[in-house]
Amino acid sequence: MLFKQINLGGAGPSAKVGCGGLLFLLGLILVSPVGQWLITGIGWLFVLIGGFSIAIEIYLWIKGSSNDRSV
């Protein structure tokens, strides 16, 4: 299996420090009340998208079934 290495140029150790700092801030946001609100909001968004897609698929299924009878 061939893996392509990403070249970050001359970033050096500052890239690792920046990545670590970004992960630290993301962790602080996720354990705060804002993170709880964010995760809950994303969860409800996925529930709504899932319900919407199920409704569309049922509609298309019923619409397709009525077209099959006319053939």
PDB file of N, CA and C in Angstrom:
ATOM      1  N   MET A   1       0.846  -1.168   0.000  1.00  0.00           N
ATOM      2  CA  MET A   1       0.000   0.000   0.000  1.00  0.00           C
ATOM      3  C   MET A   1       0.896   1.238   0.000  1.00  0.00           C
ATOM      4  N   LEU A   2       0.571   2.204  -0.808  1.00  0.00           N
ATOM      5  CA  LEU A   2       1.400   3.389  -0.961  1.00  0.00           C
ATOM      6  C   LEU A   2       0.728   4.571  -0.273  1.00  0.00           C
ATOM      7  N   PHE A   3       1.470   5.225   0.606  1.00  0.00           N
ATOM      8  CA  PHE A   3       0.964   6.404   1.299  1.00  0.00           C
ATOM      9  C   PHE A   3       1.744   7.616   0.826  1.00  0.00           C
ATOM     10  N   LYS A   4       1.050   8.694   0.562  1.00  0.00           N
ATOM     11  CA  LYS A   4       1.715   9.914   0.132  1.00  0.00           C
ATOM     12  C   LYS A   4       1.958  10.792   1.353  1.00  0.00           C
ATOM     13  N   GLN A   5       3.182  11.253   1.504  1.00  0.00           N
ATOM     14  CA  GLN A   5       3.524  12.098   2.630  1.00  0.00           C
ATOM     15  C   GLN A   5       3.200  13.544   2.286  1.00  0.00           C
ATOM     16  N   ILE A   6       2.572  14.231   3.231  1.00  0.00           N
ATOM     17  CA  ILE A   6       2.226  15.635   3.021  1.00  0.00           C
ATOM     18  C   ILE A   6       3.422  16.483   3.412  1.00  0.00           C
ATOM     19  N   ASN A   7       3.850  17.345   2.514  1.00  0.00           N
ATOM     20  CA  ASN A   7       4.993  18.206   2.772  1.00  0.00           C
ATOM     21  C   ASN A   7       4.502  19.529   3.362  1.00  0.00           C
ATOM     22  N   LEU A   8       4.903  19.812   4.596  1.00  0.00           N
ATOM     23  CA  LEU A   8       4.504  21.044   5.257  1.00  0.00           C
ATOM     24  C   LEU A   8       5.513  22.163   5.033  1.00  0.00           C
ATOM     25  N   GLY A   9       6.496  21.917   4.216  1.00  0.00           N
ATOM     26  CA  GLY A   9       7.485  22.946   3.934  1.00  0.00           C
ATOM     27  C   GLY A   9       8.397  23.160   5.131  1.00  0.00           C
ATOM     28  N   GLY A  10       8.712  24.396   5.408  1.00  0.00           N
ATOM     29  CA  GLY A  10       9.618  24.719   6.510  1.00  0.00           C
ATOM     30  C   GLY A  10       8.888  25.099   7.775  1.00  0.00           C
ATOM     31  N   ALA A  11       7.749  24.480   8.080  1.00  0.00           N
ATOM     32  CA  ALA A  11       6.969  24.854   9.260  1.00  0.00           C
ATOM     33  C   ALA A  11       7.707  24.498  10.542  1.00  0.00           C
ATOM     34  N   GLY A  12       8.375  23.373  10.540  1.00  0.00           N
ATOM     35  CA  GLY A  12       9.158  22.978  11.715  1.00  0.00           C
ATOM     36  C   GLY A  12       8.295  22.677  12.921  1.00  0.00           C
ATOM     37  N   PRO A  13       8.877  22.857  14.122  1.00  0.00           N
ATOM     38  CA  PRO A  13       8.147  22.519  15.345  1.00  0.00           C
ATOM     39  C   PRO A  13       6.990  23.465  15.646  1.00  0.00           C
ATOM     40  N   SER A  14       6.959  24.625  15.003  1.00  0.00           N
ATOM     41  CA  SER A  14       5.855  25.556  15.275  1.00  0.00           C
ATOM     42  C   SER A  14       4.526  24.990  14.797  1.00  0.00           C
ATOM     43  N   ALA A  15       4.548  24.138  13.766  1.00  0.00           N
ATOM     44  CA  ALA A  15       3.313  23.518  13.289  1.00  0.00           C
ATOM     45  C   ALA A  15       2.753  22.569  14.342  1.00  0.00           C
ATOM     46  N   LYS A  16       3.625  21.833  15.016  1.00  0.00           N
ATOM     47  CA  LYS A  16       3.177  20.909  16.061  1.00  0.00           C
ATOM     48  C   LYS A  16       2.617  21.670  17.245  1.00  0.00           C
ATOM     49  N   VAL A  17       3.249  22.783  17.593  1.00  0.00           N
ATOM     50  CA  VAL A  17       2.764  23.596  18.712  1.00  0.00           C
ATOM     51  C   VAL A  17       1.403  24.194  18.369  1.00  0.00           C
ATOM     52  N   GLY A  18       1.255  24.662  17.143  1.00  0.00           N
ATOM     53  CA  GLY A  18      -0.021  25.235  16.717  1.00  0.00           C
ATOM     54  C   GLY A  18      -1.124  24.197  16.697  1.00  0.00           C
ATOM     55  N   CYS A  19      -0.808  23.004  16.227  1.00  0.00           N
ATOM     56  CA  CYS A  19      -1.792  21.923  16.192  1.00  0.00           C
ATOM     57  C   CYS A  19      -2.188  21.525  17.610  1.00  0.00           C
ATOM     58  N   GLY A  20      -1.209  21.431  18.490  1.00  0.00           N
ATOM     59  CA  GLY A  20      -1.503  21.095  19.884  1.00  0.00           C
ATOM     60  C   GLY A  20      -2.354  22.158  20.549  1.00  0.00           C
ATOM     61  N   GLY A  21      -2.051  23.407  20.277  1.00  0.00           N
ATOM     62  CA  GLY A  21      -2.850  24.495  20.836  1.00  0.00           C
ATOM     63  C   GLY A  21      -4.274  24.480  20.325  1.00  0.00           C
ATOM     64  N   LEU A  22      -4.428  24.186  19.045  1.00  0.00           N
ATOM     65  CA  LEU A  22      -5.767  24.095  18.463  1.00  0.00           C
ATOM     66  C   LEU A  22      -6.559  22.949  19.086  1.00  0.00           C
ATOM     67  N   LEU A  23      -5.921  21.804  19.276  1.00  0.00           N
ATOM     68  CA  LEU A  23      -6.591  20.681  19.922  1.00  0.00           C
ATOM     69  C   LEU A  23      -6.950  20.996  21.372  1.00  0.00           C
ATOM     70  N   PHE A  24      -6.075  21.725  22.066  1.00  0.00           N
ATOM     71  CA  PHE A  24      -6.342  22.122  23.444  1.00  0.00           C
ATOM     72  C   PHE A  24      -7.574  23.026  23.518  1.00  0.00           C
ATOM     73  N   LEU A  25      -7.645  24.017  22.628  1.00  0.00           N
ATOM     74  CA  LEU A  25      -8.803  24.918  22.619  1.00  0.00           C
ATOM     75  C   LEU A  25     -10.082  24.178  22.243  1.00  0.00           C
ATOM     76  N   LEU A  26      -9.994  23.271  21.284  1.00  0.00           N
ATOM     77  CA  LEU A  26     -11.161  22.479  20.908  1.00  0.00           C
ATOM     78  C   LEU A  26     -11.639  21.626  22.072  1.00  0.00           C
ATOM     79  N   GLY A  27     -10.698  21.047  22.806  1.00  0.00           N
ATOM     80  CA  GLY A  27     -11.056  20.264  23.988  1.00  0.00           C
ATOM     81  C   GLY A  27     -11.730  21.112  25.050  1.00  0.00           C
ATOM     82  N   LEU A  28     -11.222  22.333  25.271  1.00  0.00           N
ATOM     83  CA  LEU A  28     -11.853  23.226  26.250  1.00  0.00           C
ATOM     84  C   LEU A  28     -13.271  23.597  25.835  1.00  0.00           C
ATOM     85  N   ILE A  29     -13.461  23.827  24.550  1.00  0.00           N
ATOM     86  CA  ILE A  29     -14.809  24.167  24.070  1.00  0.00           C
ATOM     87  C   ILE A  29     -15.754  22.991  24.262  1.00  0.00           C
ATOM     88  N   LEU A  30     -15.277  21.772  23.983  1.00  0.00           N
ATOM     89  CA  LEU A  30     -16.156  20.604  24.062  1.00  0.00           C
ATOM     90  C   LEU A  30     -16.532  20.254  25.499  1.00  0.00           C
ATOM     91  N   VAL A  31     -15.684  20.540  26.478  1.00  0.00           N
ATOM     92  CA  VAL A  31     -16.029  20.211  27.862  1.00  0.00           C
ATOM     93  C   VAL A  31     -16.769  21.350  28.550  1.00  0.00           C
ATOM     94  N   SER A  32     -16.903  22.490  27.906  1.00  0.00           N
ATOM     95  CA  SER A  32     -17.628  23.613  28.488  1.00  0.00           C
ATOM     96  C   SER A  32     -19.118  23.484  28.170  1.00  0.00           C
ATOM     97  N   PRO A  33     -19.948  24.305  28.802  1.00  0.00           N
ATOM     98  CA  PRO A  33     -21.382  24.288  28.462  1.00  0.00           C
ATOM     99  C   PRO A  33     -21.636  24.622  26.992  1.00  0.00           C
ATOM    100  N   VAL A  34     -20.774  25.425  26.396  1.00  0.00           N
ATOM    101  CA  VAL A  34     -20.920  25.733  24.972  1.00  0.00           C
ATOM    102  C   VAL A  34     -20.733  24.462  24.152  1.00  0.00           C
ATOM    103  N   GLY A  35     -19.768  23.632  24.536  1.00  0.00           N
ATOM    104  CA  GLY A  35     -19.554  22.369  23.839  1.00  0.00           C
ATOM    105  C   GLY A  35     -20.745  21.444  23.969  1.00  0.00           C
ATOM    106  N   GLN A  36     -21.348  21.422  25.153  1.00  0.00           N
ATOM    107  CA  GLN A  36     -22.540  20.587  25.343  1.00  0.00           C
ATOM    108  C   GLN A  36     -23.661  21.073  24.436  1.00  0.00           C
ATOM    109  N   TRP A  37     -23.840  22.394  24.345  1.00  0.00           N
ATOM    110  CA  TRP A  37     -24.866  22.956  23.467  1.00  0.00           C
ATOM    111  C   TRP A  37     -24.551  22.641  22.020  1.00  0.00           C
ATOM    112  N   LEU A  38     -23.267  22.745  21.648  1.00  0.00           N
ATOM    113  CA  LEU A  38     -22.850  22.490  20.274  1.00  0.00           C
ATOM    114  C   LEU A  38     -23.098  21.043  19.878  1.00  0.00           C
ATOM    115  N   ILE A  39     -22.716  20.107  20.723  1.00  0.00           N
ATOM    116  CA  ILE A  39     -22.903  18.686  20.423  1.00  0.00           C
ATOM    117  C   ILE A  39     -24.392  18.339  20.389  1.00  0.00           C
ATOM    118  N   THR A  40     -25.172  18.898  21.312  1.00  0.00           N
ATOM    119  CA  THR A  40     -26.615  18.660  21.308  1.00  0.00           C
ATOM    120  C   THR A  40     -27.248  19.221  20.038  1.00  0.00           C
ATOM    121  N   GLY A  41     -26.812  20.411  19.633  1.00  0.00           N
ATOM    122  CA  GLY A  41     -27.344  21.023  18.415  1.00  0.00           C
ATOM    123  C   GLY A  41     -27.013  20.204  17.175  1.00  0.00           C
ATOM    124  N   ILE A  42     -25.773  19.717  17.098  1.00  0.00           N
ATOM    125  CA  ILE A  42     -25.377  18.884  15.961  1.00  0.00           C
ATOM    126  C   ILE A  42     -26.178  17.586  15.959  1.00  0.00           C
ATOM    127  N   GLY A  43     -26.411  17.020  17.127  1.00  0.00           N
ATOM    128  CA  GLY A  43     -27.208  15.797  17.223  1.00  0.00           C
ATOM    129  C   GLY A  43     -28.624  16.006  16.717  1.00  0.00           C
ATOM    130  N   TRP A  44     -29.260  17.093  17.148  1.00  0.00           N
ATOM    131  CA  TRP A  44     -30.621  17.376  16.688  1.00  0.00           C
ATOM    132  C   TRP A  44     -30.653  17.688  15.195  1.00  0.00           C
ATOM    133  N   LEU A  45     -29.602  18.329  14.696  1.00  0.00           N
ATOM    134  CA  LEU A  45     -29.519  18.595  13.270  1.00  0.00           C
ATOM    135  C   LEU A  45     -29.473  17.289  12.486  1.00  0.00           C
ATOM    136  N   PHE A  46     -28.680  16.325  12.967  1.00  0.00           N
ATOM    137  CA  PHE A  46     -28.616  15.020  12.303  1.00  0.00           C
ATOM    138  C   PHE A  46     -29.956  14.295  12.371  1.00  0.00           C
ATOM    139  N   VAL A  47     -30.662  14.420  13.494  1.00  0.00           N
ATOM    140  CA  VAL A  47     -31.981  13.790  13.623  1.00  0.00           C
ATOM    141  C   VAL A  47     -32.946  14.399  12.605  1.00  0.00           C
ATOM    142  N   LEU A  48     -32.925  15.718  12.469  1.00  0.00           N
ATOM    143  CA  LEU A  48     -33.817  16.373  11.506  1.00  0.00           C
ATOM    144  C   LEU A  48     -33.470  16.006  10.068  1.00  0.00           C
ATOM    145  N   ILE A  49     -32.189  15.979   9.751  1.00  0.00           N
ATOM    146  CA  ILE A  49     -31.774  15.603   8.398  1.00  0.00           C
ATOM    147  C   ILE A  49     -32.163  14.155   8.111  1.00  0.00           C
ATOM    148  N   GLY A  50     -31.986  13.274   9.083  1.00  0.00           N
ATOM    149  CA  GLY A  50     -32.365  11.874   8.911  1.00  0.00           C
ATOM    150  C   GLY A  50     -33.858  11.714   8.703  1.00  0.00           C
ATOM    151  N   GLY A  51     -34.657  12.412   9.507  1.00  0.00           N
ATOM    152  CA  GLY A  51     -36.110  12.347   9.352  1.00  0.00           C
ATOM    153  C   GLY A  51     -36.563  12.892   8.009  1.00  0.00           C
ATOM    154  N   PHE A  52     -35.934  13.975   7.581  1.00  0.00           N
ATOM    155  CA  PHE A  52     -36.265  14.565   6.284  1.00  0.00           C
ATOM    156  C   PHE A  52     -35.917  13.618   5.147  1.00  0.00           C
ATOM    157  N   SER A  53     -34.751  12.974   5.231  1.00  0.00           N
ATOM    158  CA  SER A  53     -34.363  12.052   4.162  1.00  0.00           C
ATOM    159  C   SER A  53     -35.255  10.815   4.145  1.00  0.00           C
ATOM    160  N   ILE A  54     -35.683  10.336   5.314  1.00  0.00           N
ATOM    161  CA  ILE A  54     -36.610   9.201   5.361  1.00  0.00           C
ATOM    162  C   ILE A  54     -37.942   9.584   4.717  1.00  0.00           C
ATOM    163  N   ALA A  55     -38.428  10.791   5.026  1.00  0.00           N
ATOM    164  CA  ALA A  55     -39.694  11.237   4.439  1.00  0.00           C
ATOM    165  C   ALA A  55     -39.586  11.339   2.921  1.00  0.00           C
ATOM    166  N   ILE A  56     -38.476  11.857   2.424  1.00  0.00           N
ATOM    167  CA  ILE A  56     -38.293  11.962   0.972  1.00  0.00           C
ATOM    168  C   ILE A  56     -38.220  10.576   0.337  1.00  0.00           C
ATOM    169  N   GLU A  57     -37.508   9.656   0.966  1.00  0.00           N
ATOM    170  CA  GLU A  57     -37.389   8.310   0.406  1.00  0.00           C
ATOM    171  C   GLU A  57     -38.735   7.588   0.396  1.00  0.00           C
ATOM    172  N   ILE A  58     -39.537   7.753   1.439  1.00  0.00           N
ATOM    173  CA  ILE A  58     -40.868   7.143   1.461  1.00  0.00           C
ATOM    174  C   ILE A  58     -41.730   7.738   0.355  1.00  0.00           C
ATOM    175  N   TYR A  59     -41.657   9.057   0.182  1.00  0.00           N
ATOM    176  CA  TYR A  59     -42.419   9.704  -0.890  1.00  0.00           C
ATOM    177  C   TYR A  59     -42.001   9.169  -2.259  1.00  0.00           C
ATOM    178  N   LEU A  60     -40.703   9.088  -2.491  1.00  0.00           N
ATOM    179  CA  LEU A  60     -40.224   8.594  -3.784  1.00  0.00           C
ATOM    180  C   LEU A  60     -40.564   7.119  -3.979  1.00  0.00           C
ATOM    181  N   TRP A  61     -40.557   6.350  -2.905  1.00  0.00           N
ATOM    182  CA  TRP A  61     -40.906   4.941  -2.979  1.00  0.00           C
ATOM    183  C   TRP A  61     -42.372   4.780  -3.383  1.00  0.00           C
ATOM    184  N   ILE A  62     -43.253   5.561  -2.731  1.00  0.00           N
ATOM    185  CA  ILE A  62     -44.683   5.492  -3.043  1.00  0.00           C
ATOM    186  C   ILE A  62     -44.932   6.012  -4.461  1.00  0.00           C
ATOM    187  N   LYS A  63     -44.264   7.101  -4.823  1.00  0.00           N
ATOM    188  CA  LYS A  63     -44.420   7.656  -6.166  1.00  0.00           C
ATOM    189  C   LYS A  63     -43.938   6.658  -7.214  1.00  0.00           C
ATOM    190  N   GLY A  64     -42.836   5.968  -6.943  1.00  0.00           N
ATOM    191  CA  GLY A  64     -42.324   4.963  -7.871  1.00  0.00           C
ATOM    192  C   GLY A  64     -43.242   3.768  -7.965  1.00  0.00           C
ATOM    193  N   SER A  65     -43.881   3.388  -6.849  1.00  0.00           N
ATOM    194  CA  SER A  65     -44.807   2.259  -6.865  1.00  0.00           C
ATOM    195  C   SER A  65     -46.032   2.566  -7.709  1.00  0.00           C
ATOM    196  N   SER A  66     -46.513   3.783  -7.666  1.00  0.00           N
ATOM    197  CA  SER A  66     -47.692   4.137  -8.469  1.00  0.00           C
ATOM    198  C   SER A  66     -47.346   4.174  -9.951  1.00  0.00           C
ATOM    199  N   ASN A  67     -46.125   4.504 -10.312  1.00  0.00           N
ATOM    200  CA  ASN A  67     -45.700   4.497 -11.713  1.00  0.00           C
ATOM    201  C   ASN A  67     -45.560   3.067 -12.231  1.00  0.00           C
ATOM    202  N   ASP A  68     -45.174   2.126 -11.363  1.00  0.00           N
ATOM    203  CA  ASP A  68     -45.009   0.739 -11.785  1.00  0.00           C
ATOM    204  C   ASP A  68     -46.356   0.115 -12.148  1.00  0.00           C
ATOM    205  N   ARG A  69     -47.424   0.507 -11.495  1.00  0.00           N
ATOM    206  CA  ARG A  69     -48.741  -0.067 -11.763  1.00  0.00           C
ATOM    207  C   ARG A  69     -49.293   0.351 -13.110  1.00  0.00           C
ATOM    208  N   SER A  70     -48.873   1.513 -13.603  1.00  0.00           N
ATOM    209  CA  SER A  70     -49.418   2.002 -14.867  1.00  0.00           C
ATOM    210  C   SER A  70     -48.753   1.356 -16.080  1.00  0.00           C
ATOM    211  N   VAL A  71     -47.665   0.619 -15.851  1.00  0.00           N
ATOM    212  CA  VAL A  71     -46.943  -0.009 -16.970  1.00  0.00           C
ATOM    213  C   VAL A  71     -47.562  -1.302 -17.380  1.00  0.00           C
TER     214      VAL A  71
END
